[in-house]
Amino acid sequence: MTHETSDLAPPPWLDAYWAVLQRARKAGRLPHALLVAGPAGVGKRLLADLLARSLLCQRPGPDGRPCGHCQDCHLFCVGNHPDLVRVGPDPEGKSDEIRVGSIRDLVESEGLTPTRGAHKLIVIDPADRMNPSAANALLKTLEEPAPGTLFCLITERAYLLPATVRSRCQRLALALPDEAQALGWLAGRIKTGGDPGLLLRLAHGAPLRALGLADRALLARRDAAFAGFLAVGQGERDPLAEAQAWGDLGPRVSLDWLSGWVSDLLRLRTDGAAGYLSNPDKRGALVQLTGRLDLPAGHRYLQRILRARASQDSPLNLQLLHESLLIDWAHLASKAS
């Protein structure tokens, strides 16, 4: 789970991006379409929401921050501002696509003109979920935007957007913050859910994602899944039985954990004293599995996991996927022992 909630005081690593947006605003050079891209958990939605609040606010401060007290700020907070439109997958739909009908309804309505102030915000999130027809329907509006309207496209996978859409947006690419800065921010927010350093590693350096991982039950489930992974690798557990035990894990969780364990194995196979591990708490157990692990075969296995993770939005039989990956892991590990 990723926490990217709105706040008047964003985390410090967003300050530089906020400054860029405010300089553009003061110079009258805000783009008509902004593509906010970056890894999960770095604050894309938080930054977009803060920009929306700022542009809709009646009395923004000298630094552009919304006042938090005016009627427009109130309307934003209760999710009822007429000049903020959010477009995403239909929660009642059978797929997680943004369909062409949603975009056509938007561009063919009167909803692109501000009603209360100088700005209208259209947030499309996640933008990479637009199917090809929806993306094409958006193009003309991006080419000929209505005055005062700002499109904000949010994505963790900008490469999936058509080049024609990307080229009509100004890109704001959010990067992972410095580890020390992220840990300083997390330290005051993680009380009982675990070690901030470990959580940040598990979140691949994304602090808001790390905050969402501060869940004792989730961490205990990870320990159980790792024990099963370890047992399969040592020939002490049937991979089919372990796949059955993973039935409660969604692909985003299971494939992220599995890719992290295998990546760390390959790091340790190359350098037993590797300084960086995604799972530092599992170093001792992972070292026992390195043995004579064949590096080319290990990298091929990791690539297979990563391909499965990249295609997890497509329909798949998760049970069969877990079975296949754990059987392959059993074969790979048996050759290394």
C-alpha atoms as a PDB file:
ATOM      1  CA  MET A   1       0.000   0.000   0.000  1.00  0.00           C
ATOM      2  CA  THR A   2       1.329   3.444  -0.949  1.00  0.00           C
ATOM      3  CA  HIS A   3       0.526   6.479   1.147  1.00  0.00           C
ATOM      4  CA  GLU A   4       0.534   9.633  -0.977  1.00  0.00           C
ATOM      5  CA  THR A   5      -1.900  11.791   0.948  1.00  0.00           C
ATOM      6  CA  SER A   6      -2.438  15.518   0.629  1.00  0.00           C
ATOM      7  CA  ASP A   7      -0.756  17.832   3.147  1.00  0.00           C
ATOM      8  CA  LEU A   8       0.024  21.528   3.424  1.00  0.00           C
ATOM      9  CA  ALA A   9       3.563  20.657   4.552  1.00  0.00           C
ATOM     10  CA  PRO A  10       4.984  18.152   2.046  1.00  0.00           C
ATOM     11  CA  PRO A  11       8.093  16.130   2.892  1.00  0.00           C
ATOM     12  CA  PRO A  12      11.388  17.952   2.368  1.00  0.00           C
ATOM     13  CA  TRP A  13      12.475  16.081  -0.757  1.00  0.00           C
ATOM     14  CA  LEU A  14       9.562  17.674  -2.647  1.00  0.00           C
ATOM     15  CA  ASP A  15      10.719  21.234  -1.892  1.00  0.00           C
ATOM     16  CA  ALA A  16      12.867  21.504  -5.020  1.00  0.00           C
ATOM     17  CA  TYR A  17      10.020  20.330  -7.281  1.00  0.00           C
ATOM     18  CA  TRP A  18       7.620  22.733  -5.587  1.00  0.00           C
ATOM     19  CA  ALA A  19      10.078  25.587  -6.167  1.00  0.00           C
ATOM     20  CA  VAL A  20      10.242  24.738  -9.874  1.00  0.00           C
ATOM     21  CA  LEU A  21       6.450  24.847 -10.153  1.00  0.00           C
ATOM     22  CA  GLN A  22       6.171  28.120  -8.248  1.00  0.00           C
ATOM     23  CA  ARG A  23       8.841  29.835 -10.344  1.00  0.00           C
ATOM     24  CA  ALA A  24       6.944  28.793 -13.465  1.00  0.00           C
ATOM     25  CA  ARG A  25       3.698  30.036 -11.956  1.00  0.00           C
ATOM     26  CA  LYS A  26       5.095  33.438 -10.997  1.00  0.00           C
ATOM     27  CA  ALA A  27       6.598  33.818 -14.472  1.00  0.00           C
ATOM     28  CA  GLY A  28       3.283  32.880 -16.111  1.00  0.00           C
ATOM     29  CA  ARG A  29       4.874  29.780 -17.632  1.00  0.00           C
ATOM     30  CA  LEU A  30       2.939  26.957 -16.033  1.00  0.00           C
ATOM     31  CA  PRO A  31       2.367  24.308 -18.706  1.00  0.00           C
ATOM     32  CA  HIS A  32      -1.097  23.394 -19.884  1.00  0.00           C
ATOM     33  CA  ALA A  33      -0.219  19.725 -19.305  1.00  0.00           C
ATOM     34  CA  LEU A  34       2.095  18.341 -16.651  1.00  0.00           C
ATOM     35  CA  LEU A  35       3.339  14.751 -16.572  1.00  0.00           C
ATOM     36  CA  VAL A  36       4.289  13.882 -12.980  1.00  0.00           C
ATOM     37  CA  ALA A  37       6.305  10.674 -13.139  1.00  0.00           C
ATOM     38  CA  GLY A  38       8.373   8.653 -10.717  1.00  0.00           C
ATOM     39  CA  PRO A  39       8.513   5.509  -8.579  1.00  0.00           C
ATOM     40  CA  ALA A  40       5.672   4.542  -6.274  1.00  0.00           C
ATOM     41  CA  GLY A  41       5.904   6.231  -2.909  1.00  0.00           C
ATOM     42  CA  VAL A  42       7.916   9.358  -3.720  1.00  0.00           C
ATOM     43  CA  GLY A  43       4.971  11.760  -3.470  1.00  0.00           C
ATOM     44  CA  LYS A  44       3.633  12.309  -6.987  1.00  0.00           C
ATOM     45  CA  ARG A  45       0.010  12.543  -5.884  1.00  0.00           C
ATOM     46  CA  LEU A  46       0.869  14.582  -2.846  1.00  0.00           C
ATOM     47  CA  LEU A  47       2.676  17.127  -5.035  1.00  0.00           C
ATOM     48  CA  ALA A  48      -0.127  17.190  -7.608  1.00  0.00           C
ATOM     49  CA  ASP A  49      -2.740  17.701  -4.898  1.00  0.00           C
ATOM     50  CA  LEU A  50      -0.744  20.515  -3.338  1.00  0.00           C
ATOM     51  CA  LEU A  51      -0.432  22.216  -6.724  1.00  0.00           C
ATOM     52  CA  ALA A  52      -4.166  21.837  -7.299  1.00  0.00           C
ATOM     53  CA  ARG A  53      -4.963  23.289  -3.873  1.00  0.00           C
ATOM     54  CA  SER A  54      -2.572  26.165  -4.505  1.00  0.00           C
ATOM     55  CA  LEU A  55      -4.060  27.077  -7.875  1.00  0.00           C
ATOM     56  CA  LEU A  56      -7.627  26.850  -6.592  1.00  0.00           C
ATOM     57  CA  CYS A  57      -6.985  28.679  -3.305  1.00  0.00           C
ATOM     58  CA  GLN A  58      -8.293  32.238  -2.974  1.00  0.00           C
ATOM     59  CA  ARG A  59      -5.405  33.371  -0.752  1.00  0.00           C
ATOM     60  CA  PRO A  60      -2.219  31.353  -1.375  1.00  0.00           C
ATOM     61  CA  GLY A  61       0.825  32.334   0.666  1.00  0.00           C
ATOM     62  CA  PRO A  62       4.032  33.942  -0.641  1.00  0.00           C
ATOM     63  CA  ASP A  63       5.512  30.484  -1.249  1.00  0.00           C
ATOM     64  CA  GLY A  64       2.394  29.395  -3.134  1.00  0.00           C
ATOM     65  CA  ARG A  65       1.076  27.172  -0.355  1.00  0.00           C
ATOM     66  CA  PRO A  66      -2.743  27.164  -0.043  1.00  0.00           C
ATOM     67  CA  CYS A  67      -4.182  28.986   2.951  1.00  0.00           C
ATOM     68  CA  GLY A  68      -6.215  25.982   4.093  1.00  0.00           C
ATOM     69  CA  HIS A  69      -9.102  28.168   5.304  1.00  0.00           C
ATOM     70  CA  CYS A  70     -10.902  29.694   2.331  1.00  0.00           C
ATOM     71  CA  GLN A  71     -14.043  28.266   0.724  1.00  0.00           C
ATOM     72  CA  ASP A  72     -12.058  26.796  -2.171  1.00  0.00           C
ATOM     73  CA  CYS A  73      -9.702  25.013   0.228  1.00  0.00           C
ATOM     74  CA  HIS A  74     -12.732  23.654   2.057  1.00  0.00           C
ATOM     75  CA  LEU A  75     -14.315  22.428  -1.173  1.00  0.00           C
ATOM     76  CA  PHE A  76     -11.055  20.719  -2.104  1.00  0.00           C
ATOM     77  CA  CYS A  77     -10.787  18.980   1.272  1.00  0.00           C
ATOM     78  CA  VAL A  78     -14.325  17.606   1.113  1.00  0.00           C
ATOM     79  CA  GLY A  79     -13.771  16.429  -2.474  1.00  0.00           C
ATOM     80  CA  ASN A  80     -16.386  18.693  -3.973  1.00  0.00           C
ATOM     81  CA  HIS A  81     -14.526  21.440  -5.825  1.00  0.00           C
ATOM     82  CA  PRO A  82     -16.112  22.032  -9.258  1.00  0.00           C
ATOM     83  CA  ASP A  83     -12.766  23.068 -10.764  1.00  0.00           C
ATOM     84  CA  LEU A  84     -11.007  19.840  -9.848  1.00  0.00           C
ATOM     85  CA  VAL A  85     -11.832  16.808 -11.969  1.00  0.00           C
ATOM     86  CA  ARG A  86     -10.244  13.418 -11.340  1.00  0.00           C
ATOM     87  CA  VAL A  87     -10.245  10.772 -14.076  1.00  0.00           C
ATOM     88  CA  GLY A  88      -9.250   7.178 -13.375  1.00  0.00           C
ATOM     89  CA  PRO A  89     -10.302   3.586 -13.989  1.00  0.00           C
ATOM     90  CA  ASP A  90     -13.944   2.839 -13.366  1.00  0.00           C
ATOM     91  CA  PRO A  91     -14.086   1.223  -9.909  1.00  0.00           C
ATOM     92  CA  GLU A  92     -17.171  -0.717 -11.056  1.00  0.00           C
ATOM     93  CA  GLY A  93     -15.580  -1.827 -14.319  1.00  0.00           C
ATOM     94  CA  LYS A  94     -14.217  -5.274 -15.117  1.00  0.00           C
ATOM     95  CA  SER A  95     -10.778  -3.906 -16.058  1.00  0.00           C
ATOM     96  CA  ASP A  96      -8.533  -1.267 -14.564  1.00  0.00           C
ATOM     97  CA  GLU A  97      -8.317   0.672 -17.816  1.00  0.00           C
ATOM     98  CA  ILE A  98      -9.294   4.278 -18.306  1.00  0.00           C
ATOM     99  CA  ARG A  99     -11.689   3.885 -21.198  1.00  0.00           C
ATOM    100  CA  VAL A 100     -12.315   6.203 -24.093  1.00  0.00           C
ATOM    101  CA  GLY A 101     -15.812   7.055 -22.829  1.00  0.00           C
ATOM    102  CA  SER A 102     -14.362   8.679 -19.706  1.00  0.00           C
ATOM    103  CA  ILE A 103     -12.091  10.929 -21.763  1.00  0.00           C
ATOM    104  CA  ARG A 104     -14.790  11.761 -24.321  1.00  0.00           C
ATOM    105  CA  ASP A 105     -17.227  12.678 -21.566  1.00  0.00           C
ATOM    106  CA  LEU A 106     -14.574  14.999 -20.188  1.00  0.00           C
ATOM    107  CA  VAL A 107     -13.553  16.781 -23.388  1.00  0.00           C
ATOM    108  CA  GLU A 108     -17.075  17.002 -24.842  1.00  0.00           C
ATOM    109  CA  SER A 109     -18.577  18.533 -21.710  1.00  0.00           C
ATOM    110  CA  GLU A 110     -18.462  22.089 -20.509  1.00  0.00           C
ATOM    111  CA  GLY A 111     -16.216  20.865 -17.717  1.00  0.00           C
ATOM    112  CA  LEU A 112     -12.961  22.228 -19.166  1.00  0.00           C
ATOM    113  CA  THR A 113     -13.755  25.828 -18.282  1.00  0.00           C
ATOM    114  CA  PRO A 114     -13.073  27.178 -14.769  1.00  0.00           C
ATOM    115  CA  THR A 115     -16.239  28.025 -12.854  1.00  0.00           C
ATOM    116  CA  ARG A 116     -15.039  29.614  -9.602  1.00  0.00           C
ATOM    117  CA  GLY A 117     -11.641  31.119 -10.325  1.00  0.00           C
ATOM    118  CA  ALA A 118      -8.841  31.329 -12.868  1.00  0.00           C
ATOM    119  CA  HIS A 119      -7.895  27.649 -12.969  1.00  0.00           C
ATOM    120  CA  LYS A 120      -9.332  24.250 -13.774  1.00  0.00           C
ATOM    121  CA  LEU A 121      -7.409  21.112 -12.823  1.00  0.00           C
ATOM    122  CA  ILE A 122      -7.875  17.785 -14.622  1.00  0.00           C
ATOM    123  CA  VAL A 123      -6.008  14.971 -12.852  1.00  0.00           C
ATOM    124  CA  ILE A 124      -5.642  11.705 -14.807  1.00  0.00           C
ATOM    125  CA  ASP A 125      -4.327   8.985 -12.529  1.00  0.00           C
ATOM    126  CA  PRO A 126      -2.780   6.593 -13.313  1.00  0.00           C
ATOM    127  CA  ALA A 127      -2.364   8.029 -16.784  1.00  0.00           C
ATOM    128  CA  ASP A 128      -0.700   4.891 -18.156  1.00  0.00           C
ATOM    129  CA  ARG A 129      -4.008   3.063 -17.696  1.00  0.00           C
ATOM    130  CA  MET A 130      -5.591   4.999 -20.566  1.00  0.00           C
ATOM    131  CA  ASN A 131      -6.264   2.526 -23.341  1.00  0.00           C
ATOM    132  CA  PRO A 132      -5.101   3.569 -26.842  1.00  0.00           C
ATOM    133  CA  SER A 133      -8.499   5.001 -27.790  1.00  0.00           C
ATOM    134  CA  ALA A 134      -8.653   7.061 -24.607  1.00  0.00           C
ATOM    135  CA  ALA A 135      -5.145   8.417 -25.159  1.00  0.00           C
ATOM    136  CA  ASN A 136      -6.018   9.372 -28.730  1.00  0.00           C
ATOM    137  CA  ALA A 137      -9.199  11.098 -27.569  1.00  0.00           C
ATOM    138  CA  LEU A 138      -7.129  13.223 -25.189  1.00  0.00           C
ATOM    139  CA  LEU A 139      -4.640  14.376 -27.826  1.00  0.00           C
ATOM    140  CA  LYS A 140      -6.695  17.137 -29.451  1.00  0.00           C
ATOM    141  CA  THR A 141      -7.453  18.690 -26.088  1.00  0.00           C
ATOM    142  CA  LEU A 142      -3.774  18.605 -25.158  1.00  0.00           C
ATOM    143  CA  GLU A 143      -2.967  20.300 -28.470  1.00  0.00           C
ATOM    144  CA  GLU A 144      -5.631  23.003 -28.031  1.00  0.00           C
ATOM    145  CA  PRO A 145      -6.130  23.416 -24.279  1.00  0.00           C
ATOM    146  CA  ALA A 146      -8.838  25.659 -22.856  1.00  0.00           C
ATOM    147  CA  PRO A 147      -7.510  28.828 -21.177  1.00  0.00           C
ATOM    148  CA  GLY A 148      -6.875  28.317 -17.489  1.00  0.00           C
ATOM    149  CA  THR A 149      -7.047  24.515 -17.683  1.00  0.00           C
ATOM    150  CA  LEU A 150      -4.144  22.422 -16.446  1.00  0.00           C
ATOM    151  CA  PHE A 151      -3.978  18.702 -17.123  1.00  0.00           C
ATOM    152  CA  CYS A 152      -1.945  16.726 -14.602  1.00  0.00           C
ATOM    153  CA  LEU A 153      -1.075  13.193 -15.687  1.00  0.00           C
ATOM    154  CA  ILE A 154       0.327  10.996 -12.927  1.00  0.00           C
ATOM    155  CA  THR A 155       2.182   7.779 -13.634  1.00  0.00           C
ATOM    156  CA  GLU A 156       4.776   5.356 -12.368  1.00  0.00           C
ATOM    157  CA  ARG A 157       5.222   3.962 -15.888  1.00  0.00           C
ATOM    158  CA  ALA A 158       5.575   6.888 -18.252  1.00  0.00           C
ATOM    159  CA  TYR A 159       7.024   4.589 -20.915  1.00  0.00           C
ATOM    160  CA  LEU A 160       3.566   3.048 -21.374  1.00  0.00           C
ATOM    161  CA  LEU A 161       2.092   6.367 -22.468  1.00  0.00           C
ATOM    162  CA  PRO A 162       2.085   7.030 -26.223  1.00  0.00           C
ATOM    163  CA  ALA A 163       4.907   9.295 -27.349  1.00  0.00           C
ATOM    164  CA  THR A 164       2.276  11.645 -28.779  1.00  0.00           C
ATOM    165  CA  VAL A 165       0.863  12.189 -25.285  1.00  0.00           C
ATOM    166  CA  ARG A 166       4.253  12.495 -23.591  1.00  0.00           C
ATOM    167  CA  SER A 167       5.451  15.054 -26.107  1.00  0.00           C
ATOM    168  CA  ARG A 168       2.509  17.349 -25.337  1.00  0.00           C
ATOM    169  CA  CYS A 169       3.243  17.437 -21.601  1.00  0.00           C
ATOM    170  CA  GLN A 170       5.965  19.053 -19.574  1.00  0.00           C
ATOM    171  CA  ARG A 171       7.563  16.282 -17.580  1.00  0.00           C
ATOM    172  CA  LEU A 172       8.297  16.573 -13.878  1.00  0.00           C
ATOM    173  CA  ALA A 173      10.290  13.488 -12.939  1.00  0.00           C
ATOM    174  CA  LEU A 174      10.407  12.788  -9.210  1.00  0.00           C
ATOM    175  CA  ALA A 175      13.425  10.843  -8.000  1.00  0.00           C
ATOM    176  CA  LEU A 176      14.050   8.862  -4.837  1.00  0.00           C
ATOM    177  CA  PRO A 177      15.284  11.081  -2.011  1.00  0.00           C
ATOM    178  CA  ASP A 178      18.622  10.774  -0.283  1.00  0.00           C
ATOM    179  CA  GLU A 179      18.511   7.862   2.174  1.00  0.00           C
ATOM    180  CA  ALA A 180      19.501   9.986   5.166  1.00  0.00           C
ATOM    181  CA  GLN A 181      16.807  12.547   4.382  1.00  0.00           C
ATOM    182  CA  ALA A 182      14.190   9.842   3.948  1.00  0.00           C
ATOM    183  CA  LEU A 183      15.177   8.138   7.205  1.00  0.00           C
ATOM    184  CA  GLY A 184      15.013  11.425   9.078  1.00  0.00           C
ATOM    185  CA  TRP A 185      11.459  11.954   7.840  1.00  0.00           C
ATOM    186  CA  LEU A 186      10.405   8.371   8.577  1.00  0.00           C
ATOM    187  CA  ALA A 187      11.896   8.259  12.062  1.00  0.00           C
ATOM    188  CA  GLY A 188       9.182  10.452  13.540  1.00  0.00           C
ATOM    189  CA  ARG A 189       6.357   8.646  11.771  1.00  0.00           C
ATOM    190  CA  ILE A 190       7.023   4.951  12.320  1.00  0.00           C
ATOM    191  CA  LYS A 191       6.191   4.184  15.915  1.00  0.00           C
ATOM    192  CA  THR A 192       5.385   0.498  16.293  1.00  0.00           C
ATOM    193  CA  GLY A 193       5.553  -0.932  12.769  1.00  0.00           C
ATOM    194  CA  GLY A 194       9.243  -1.770  12.507  1.00  0.00           C
ATOM    195  CA  ASP A 195      12.689  -0.419  11.758  1.00  0.00           C
ATOM    196  CA  PRO A 196      12.691   2.619   9.405  1.00  0.00           C
ATOM    197  CA  GLY A 197      15.944   1.521   7.774  1.00  0.00           C
ATOM    198  CA  LEU A 198      14.605  -1.930   6.924  1.00  0.00           C
ATOM    199  CA  LEU A 199      11.271  -0.561   5.743  1.00  0.00           C
ATOM    200  CA  LEU A 200      13.013   1.926   3.450  1.00  0.00           C
ATOM    201  CA  ARG A 201      15.064  -0.879   1.901  1.00  0.00           C
ATOM    202  CA  LEU A 202      11.945  -3.008   1.426  1.00  0.00           C
ATOM    203  CA  ALA A 203      10.314   0.000  -0.263  1.00  0.00           C
ATOM    204  CA  HIS A 204      13.301   0.353  -2.615  1.00  0.00           C
ATOM    205  CA  GLY A 205      14.089   3.791  -1.201  1.00  0.00           C
ATOM    206  CA  ALA A 206      10.583   5.277  -1.506  1.00  0.00           C
ATOM    207  CA  PRO A 207       9.678   6.781   1.896  1.00  0.00           C
ATOM    208  CA  LEU A 208       5.907   7.036   1.468  1.00  0.00           C
ATOM    209  CA  ARG A 209       5.845   3.426   0.373  1.00  0.00           C
ATOM    210  CA  ALA A 210       7.969   2.537   3.412  1.00  0.00           C
ATOM    211  CA  LEU A 211       5.391   4.213   5.617  1.00  0.00           C
ATOM    212  CA  GLY A 212       2.739   1.951   4.111  1.00  0.00           C
ATOM    213  CA  LEU A 213       4.832  -1.128   4.916  1.00  0.00           C
ATOM    214  CA  ALA A 214       4.918  -0.319   8.636  1.00  0.00           C
ATOM    215  CA  ASP A 215       2.427  -3.069   9.343  1.00  0.00           C
ATOM    216  CA  ARG A 216       3.316  -5.854  11.768  1.00  0.00           C
ATOM    217  CA  ALA A 217       0.950  -8.341  10.128  1.00  0.00           C
ATOM    218  CA  LEU A 218       2.409  -7.669   6.679  1.00  0.00           C
ATOM    219  CA  LEU A 219       5.976  -8.010   7.955  1.00  0.00           C
ATOM    220  CA  ALA A 220       5.080 -11.280   9.684  1.00  0.00           C
ATOM    221  CA  ARG A 221       3.554 -12.560   6.423  1.00  0.00           C
ATOM    222  CA  ARG A 222       6.785 -11.654   4.644  1.00  0.00           C
ATOM    223  CA  ASP A 223       8.779 -13.644   7.207  1.00  0.00           C
ATOM    224  CA  ALA A 224       6.533 -16.658   6.641  1.00  0.00           C
ATOM    225  CA  ALA A 225       6.818 -16.413   2.854  1.00  0.00           C
ATOM    226  CA  PHE A 226      10.599 -16.083   3.080  1.00  0.00           C
ATOM    227  CA  ALA A 227      10.785 -19.157   5.323  1.00  0.00           C
ATOM    228  CA  GLY A 228       8.891 -21.073   2.651  1.00  0.00           C
ATOM    229  CA  PHE A 229      11.153 -19.715  -0.095  1.00  0.00           C
ATOM    230  CA  LEU A 230      14.178 -20.750   1.934  1.00  0.00           C
ATOM    231  CA  ALA A 231      12.765 -24.235   2.583  1.00  0.00           C
ATOM    232  CA  VAL A 232      12.023 -24.760  -1.130  1.00  0.00           C
ATOM    233  CA  GLY A 233      15.574 -23.714  -1.985  1.00  0.00           C
ATOM    234  CA  GLN A 234      16.981 -26.164   0.564  1.00  0.00           C
ATOM    235  CA  GLY A 235      14.842 -29.019  -0.744  1.00  0.00           C
ATOM    236  CA  GLU A 236      12.838 -29.186   2.481  1.00  0.00           C
ATOM    237  CA  ARG A 237       9.519 -27.954   1.093  1.00  0.00           C
ATOM    238  CA  ASP A 238       7.484 -28.960  -1.940  1.00  0.00           C
ATOM    239  CA  PRO A 239       7.205 -25.953  -4.286  1.00  0.00           C
ATOM    240  CA  LEU A 240       3.579 -26.807  -5.108  1.00  0.00           C
ATOM    241  CA  ALA A 241       2.679 -26.796  -1.436  1.00  0.00           C
ATOM    242  CA  GLU A 242       4.452 -23.462  -0.950  1.00  0.00           C
ATOM    243  CA  ALA A 243       2.654 -21.998  -3.953  1.00  0.00           C
ATOM    244  CA  GLN A 244      -0.609 -23.015  -2.333  1.00  0.00           C
ATOM    245  CA  ALA A 245       0.469 -21.249   0.865  1.00  0.00           C
ATOM    246  CA  TRP A 246       1.082 -18.068  -1.153  1.00  0.00           C
ATOM    247  CA  GLY A 247      -2.546 -18.013  -2.283  1.00  0.00           C
ATOM    248  CA  ASP A 248      -3.341 -14.983  -0.132  1.00  0.00           C
ATOM    249  CA  LEU A 249      -0.578 -12.890  -1.697  1.00  0.00           C
ATOM    250  CA  GLY A 250      -1.395 -10.645  -4.628  1.00  0.00           C
ATOM    251  CA  PRO A 251       1.120 -10.483  -7.487  1.00  0.00           C
ATOM    252  CA  ARG A 252       2.359  -7.016  -6.542  1.00  0.00           C
ATOM    253  CA  VAL A 253       3.403  -8.327  -3.149  1.00  0.00           C
ATOM    254  CA  SER A 254       4.655 -11.819  -4.004  1.00  0.00           C
ATOM    255  CA  LEU A 255       6.621 -10.799  -7.106  1.00  0.00           C
ATOM    256  CA  ASP A 256       8.141  -7.794  -5.355  1.00  0.00           C
ATOM    257  CA  TRP A 257       9.294  -9.954  -2.458  1.00  0.00           C
ATOM    258  CA  LEU A 258      10.547 -12.731  -4.728  1.00  0.00           C
ATOM    259  CA  SER A 259      12.483 -10.390  -7.024  1.00  0.00           C
ATOM    260  CA  GLY A 260      14.052  -8.726  -3.981  1.00  0.00           C
ATOM    261  CA  TRP A 261      15.224 -12.033  -2.500  1.00  0.00           C
ATOM    262  CA  VAL A 262      16.688 -13.232  -5.791  1.00  0.00           C
ATOM    263  CA  SER A 263      18.366  -9.866  -6.472  1.00  0.00           C
ATOM    264  CA  ASP A 264      20.029 -10.029  -3.062  1.00  0.00           C
ATOM    265  CA  LEU A 265      21.116 -13.619  -3.712  1.00  0.00           C
ATOM    266  CA  LEU A 266      22.835 -12.545  -6.911  1.00  0.00           C
ATOM    267  CA  ARG A 267      24.517  -9.622  -5.135  1.00  0.00           C
ATOM    268  CA  LEU A 268      25.814 -11.951  -2.420  1.00  0.00           C
ATOM    269  CA  ARG A 269      26.928 -14.545  -4.975  1.00  0.00           C
ATOM    270  CA  THR A 270      29.063 -11.844  -6.588  1.00  0.00           C
ATOM    271  CA  ASP A 271      30.246 -10.289  -3.328  1.00  0.00           C
ATOM    272  CA  GLY A 272      29.606 -12.039  -0.033  1.00  0.00           C
ATOM    273  CA  ALA A 273      30.126  -8.736   1.783  1.00  0.00           C
ATOM    274  CA  ALA A 274      27.792  -6.736  -0.454  1.00  0.00           C
ATOM    275  CA  GLY A 275      27.030  -3.479   1.323  1.00  0.00           C
ATOM    276  CA  TYR A 276      23.559  -2.893  -0.094  1.00  0.00           C
ATOM    277  CA  LEU A 277      20.778  -5.447   0.187  1.00  0.00           C
ATOM    278  CA  SER A 278      17.056  -4.920  -0.275  1.00  0.00           C
ATOM    279  CA  ASN A 279      16.511  -7.418   2.551  1.00  0.00           C
ATOM    280  CA  PRO A 280      19.349  -6.790   5.013  1.00  0.00           C
ATOM    281  CA  ASP A 281      17.558  -8.695   7.767  1.00  0.00           C
ATOM    282  CA  LYS A 282      17.754 -11.863   5.648  1.00  0.00           C
ATOM    283  CA  ARG A 283      21.477 -11.654   4.844  1.00  0.00           C
ATOM    284  CA  GLY A 284      22.524 -14.679   6.900  1.00  0.00           C
ATOM    285  CA  ALA A 285      19.868 -16.968   5.465  1.00  0.00           C
ATOM    286  CA  LEU A 286      20.492 -15.805   1.909  1.00  0.00           C
ATOM    287  CA  VAL A 287      24.240 -16.364   2.190  1.00  0.00           C
ATOM    288  CA  GLN A 288      23.537 -20.029   2.909  1.00  0.00           C
ATOM    289  CA  LEU A 289      21.761 -20.323  -0.442  1.00  0.00           C
ATOM    290  CA  THR A 290      24.483 -18.808  -2.617  1.00  0.00           C
ATOM    291  CA  GLY A 291      26.739 -21.873  -2.708  1.00  0.00           C
ATOM    292  CA  ARG A 292      27.646 -22.510  -6.315  1.00  0.00           C
ATOM    293  CA  LEU A 293      24.656 -20.603  -7.644  1.00  0.00           C
ATOM    294  CA  ASP A 294      25.046 -20.264 -11.393  1.00  0.00           C
ATOM    295  CA  LEU A 295      25.025 -16.523 -12.047  1.00  0.00           C
ATOM    296  CA  PRO A 296      23.760 -16.604 -15.664  1.00  0.00           C
ATOM    297  CA  ALA A 297      20.938 -18.965 -14.693  1.00  0.00           C
ATOM    298  CA  GLY A 298      20.171 -16.814 -11.666  1.00  0.00           C
ATOM    299  CA  HIS A 299      19.958 -13.681 -13.786  1.00  0.00           C
ATOM    300  CA  ARG A 300      17.680 -15.451 -16.272  1.00  0.00           C
ATOM    301  CA  TYR A 301      15.424 -16.459 -13.404  1.00  0.00           C
ATOM    302  CA  LEU A 302      15.355 -12.899 -12.070  1.00  0.00           C
ATOM    303  CA  GLN A 303      14.464 -11.587 -15.525  1.00  0.00           C
ATOM    304  CA  ARG A 304      11.564 -14.006 -15.650  1.00  0.00           C
ATOM    305  CA  ILE A 305      10.258 -12.698 -12.325  1.00  0.00           C
ATOM    306  CA  LEU A 306      10.649  -9.095 -13.498  1.00  0.00           C
ATOM    307  CA  ARG A 307       8.777  -9.837 -16.729  1.00  0.00           C
ATOM    308  CA  ALA A 308       5.942 -11.366 -14.708  1.00  0.00           C
ATOM    309  CA  ARG A 309       5.913  -8.314 -12.444  1.00  0.00           C
ATOM    310  CA  ALA A 310       5.802  -5.962 -15.426  1.00  0.00           C
ATOM    311  CA  SER A 311       2.809  -7.817 -16.890  1.00  0.00           C
ATOM    312  CA  GLN A 312       0.891  -8.238 -13.632  1.00  0.00           C
ATOM    313  CA  ASP A 313      -1.884  -5.958 -14.874  1.00  0.00           C
ATOM    314  CA  SER A 314      -2.720  -8.547 -17.518  1.00  0.00           C
ATOM    315  CA  PRO A 315      -5.030 -11.429 -16.632  1.00  0.00           C
ATOM    316  CA  LEU A 316      -3.042 -14.290 -15.149  1.00  0.00           C
ATOM    317  CA  ASN A 317      -3.542 -17.424 -13.120  1.00  0.00           C
ATOM    318  CA  LEU A 318      -1.644 -16.484  -9.985  1.00  0.00           C
ATOM    319  CA  GLN A 319      -1.601 -20.000  -8.575  1.00  0.00           C
ATOM    320  CA  LEU A 320       0.003 -21.390 -11.731  1.00  0.00           C
ATOM    321  CA  LEU A 321       2.475 -18.504 -11.825  1.00  0.00           C
ATOM    322  CA  HIS A 322       3.550 -19.115  -8.222  1.00  0.00           C
ATOM    323  CA  GLU A 323       3.864 -22.850  -8.900  1.00  0.00           C
ATOM    324  CA  SER A 324       5.989 -22.317 -11.995  1.00  0.00           C
ATOM    325  CA  LEU A 325       8.292 -19.765 -10.345  1.00  0.00           C
ATOM    326  CA  LEU A 326       8.805 -21.857  -7.211  1.00  0.00           C
ATOM    327  CA  ILE A 327       9.459 -25.041  -9.225  1.00  0.00           C
ATOM    328  CA  ASP A 328      12.099 -23.147 -11.224  1.00  0.00           C
ATOM    329  CA  TRP A 329      13.551 -21.814  -7.990  1.00  0.00           C
ATOM    330  CA  ALA A 330      13.796 -25.341  -6.571  1.00  0.00           C
ATOM    331  CA  HIS A 331      15.702 -26.487  -9.680  1.00  0.00           C
ATOM    332  CA  LEU A 332      18.017 -23.466  -9.624  1.00  0.00           C
ATOM    333  CA  ALA A 333      18.796 -23.805  -5.928  1.00  0.00           C
ATOM    334  CA  SER A 334      19.378 -27.578  -6.120  1.00  0.00           C
ATOM    335  CA  LYS A 335      22.194 -27.025  -8.626  1.00  0.00           C
ATOM    336  CA  ALA A 336      23.807 -24.492  -6.314  1.00  0.00           C
ATOM    337  CA  SER A 337      23.897 -26.739  -3.274  1.00  0.00           C
END
